[in-house]
Protein backbone atom coordinates (compact mmCIF):
# COMPACT_ATOMS: atom_id res chain seq x y z
CA GLN A 1 -19.40 -23.43 -5.48
CA MET A 2 -17.03 -20.50 -5.61
CA GLN A 3 -13.53 -20.86 -4.25
CA LEU A 4 -11.82 -17.80 -2.80
CA VAL A 5 -8.12 -17.77 -1.92
CA GLU A 6 -6.58 -14.82 -0.11
CA SER A 7 -2.91 -13.87 -0.17
CA GLY A 8 -0.68 -10.95 0.68
CA GLY A 9 -0.90 -10.94 4.45
CA GLY A 10 2.15 -10.67 6.62
CA LEU A 11 4.00 -8.65 9.23
CA VAL A 12 4.31 -4.89 8.76
CA GLN A 13 5.33 -2.01 10.92
CA ALA A 14 2.79 0.56 11.97
CA GLY A 15 2.49 3.16 9.24
CA GLY A 16 3.35 0.66 6.55
CA SER A 17 1.31 -0.78 3.72
CA LEU A 18 0.12 -4.14 2.43
CA ARG A 19 -1.98 -5.26 -0.49
CA LEU A 20 -4.21 -8.25 -0.06
CA SER A 21 -5.44 -10.25 -2.99
CA CYS A 22 -8.29 -12.70 -3.29
CA ALA A 23 -8.47 -14.94 -6.33
CA ALA A 24 -11.83 -16.50 -7.22
CA SER A 25 -12.75 -19.55 -9.25
CA GLY A 26 -15.72 -21.80 -9.84
CA ARG A 27 -18.33 -19.15 -10.62
CA THR A 28 -18.69 -16.15 -12.91
CA PHE A 29 -16.78 -13.56 -10.94
CA SER A 30 -18.56 -10.55 -12.38
CA ASN A 31 -21.90 -11.85 -11.06
CA TYR A 32 -20.75 -11.31 -7.51
CA ALA A 33 -20.19 -8.37 -5.25
CA LEU A 34 -17.15 -8.78 -3.06
CA ALA A 35 -16.14 -7.71 0.41
CA TRP A 36 -13.33 -7.88 2.91
CA PHE A 37 -13.93 -8.66 6.55
CA ARG A 38 -11.50 -9.06 9.43
CA GLN A 39 -11.47 -10.83 12.75
CA ALA A 40 -9.07 -10.24 15.60
CA PRO A 41 -8.60 -12.81 18.38
CA GLY A 42 -11.53 -12.83 20.74
CA LYS A 43 -13.53 -10.40 18.63
CA GLU A 44 -16.36 -10.62 16.17
CA ARG A 45 -15.84 -10.62 12.44
CA ASP A 46 -16.11 -7.03 11.22
CA PHE A 47 -16.92 -5.54 7.87
CA VAL A 48 -13.99 -3.69 6.24
CA ALA A 49 -14.94 -2.84 2.67
CA ALA A 50 -17.18 -3.92 -0.19
CA ILE A 51 -17.31 -3.40 -3.90
CA SER A 52 -20.12 -3.77 -6.42
CA TRP A 53 -20.20 -6.11 -9.39
CA GLY A 54 -18.71 -3.65 -11.84
CA GLY A 55 -16.52 -1.95 -9.29
CA HIS A 56 -18.26 1.43 -9.50
CA ASP A 57 -19.56 1.47 -5.93
CA THR A 58 -17.49 0.94 -2.82
CA TYR A 59 -18.19 1.00 0.88
CA TYR A 60 -15.82 1.19 3.83
CA ALA A 61 -15.93 0.88 7.56
CA ASP A 62 -15.34 4.20 9.25
CA SER A 63 -12.19 2.86 10.86
CA VAL A 64 -10.48 2.34 7.49
CA LYS A 65 -11.85 5.16 5.37
CA GLY A 66 -9.09 7.12 3.73
CA ARG A 67 -6.53 4.41 4.42
CA PHE A 68 -7.84 1.28 2.67
CA THR A 69 -8.93 0.88 -0.94
CA ILE A 70 -10.88 -2.03 -2.35
CA SER A 71 -10.72 -2.76 -6.04
CA ARG A 72 -11.41 -5.63 -8.42
CA ASP A 73 -10.21 -6.94 -11.74
CA ASN A 74 -13.01 -8.97 -13.31
CA ALA A 75 -10.73 -10.20 -16.09
CA LYS A 76 -8.43 -11.74 -13.46
CA ALA A 77 -11.29 -12.74 -11.14
CA THR A 78 -9.47 -11.06 -8.28
CA VAL A 79 -10.37 -8.53 -5.62
CA TYR A 80 -7.78 -6.46 -3.80
CA LEU A 81 -7.50 -4.54 -0.59
CA ARG A 82 -4.80 -1.92 -0.47
CA MET A 83 -4.04 -1.00 3.13
CA ASN A 84 -2.01 2.14 3.89
CA ARG A 85 -0.97 3.76 7.15
CA LEU A 86 -1.58 0.52 9.01
CA LYS A 87 -2.21 0.66 12.75
CA PRO A 88 -1.76 -2.04 15.38
CA GLU A 89 -5.52 -2.23 15.68
CA ASP A 90 -5.73 -3.30 12.04
CA ALA A 91 -4.09 -6.62 12.97
CA ALA A 92 -6.48 -9.50 12.26
CA VAL A 93 -7.22 -12.34 9.96
CA TYR A 94 -8.65 -10.84 6.78
CA TYR A 95 -11.27 -12.70 4.81
CA CYS A 96 -12.69 -12.06 1.42
CA ALA A 97 -16.29 -12.97 0.64
CA ALA A 98 -18.62 -13.01 -2.33
CA THR A 99 -22.35 -12.58 -2.62
CA ARG A 100 -25.04 -12.01 -5.23
CA SER A 101 -27.14 -10.08 -2.76
CA SER A 102 -27.93 -6.42 -3.40
CA ALA A 103 -27.16 -5.84 0.28
CA TYR A 104 -23.53 -6.60 -0.34
CA MET A 105 -22.34 -3.87 2.03
CA THR A 106 -23.76 -5.79 5.00
CA TYR A 107 -22.44 -8.81 6.86
CA ASP A 108 -25.77 -10.60 6.54
CA ALA A 109 -25.47 -10.78 2.79
CA TYR A 110 -22.43 -12.98 3.17
CA ARG A 111 -23.13 -14.80 6.40
CA HIS A 112 -26.20 -16.58 5.12
CA ALA A 113 -25.69 -16.91 1.37
CA GLY A 114 -22.11 -16.05 0.55
CA TYR A 115 -18.81 -17.65 -0.17
CA TRP A 116 -15.76 -17.17 2.02
CA GLY A 117 -12.05 -17.59 1.74
CA GLN A 118 -9.84 -19.14 4.41
CA GLY A 119 -8.33 -15.85 5.47
CA THR A 120 -4.87 -14.28 5.55
CA GLN A 121 -3.14 -13.02 8.67
CA VAL A 122 -2.13 -9.39 8.97
CA THR A 123 0.15 -8.44 11.85
CA VAL A 124 1.07 -4.84 12.59
CA SER A 125 3.93 -4.11 14.95
CA SER A 126 4.02 -0.88 16.90
């Protein structure tokens, strides 16, 4: 089993920034692609960003392109999500997830055979 623990969420004003972290343990971190998802109340869980095993390839949802940056530090077994110019519609619980699937930029790769953290709340005030 892999354990994933998110941190860094909180309350921020619109236009502000946050950096989320997700620390992993229990498995060889570099063997997994990582992603961030988010879920707002009453809505489905949505893909936000994903990063490949070595960190060379990244993918983003259109809604966050140019504002969010995903990165990873394999030596620290941690994945990050830097969120700039936050909007009220970015408010959600943010989850990190890990998969060994080559389709790591899709929700299915994590839903059926991935590991998930417990989530961290991001609130954006207007």
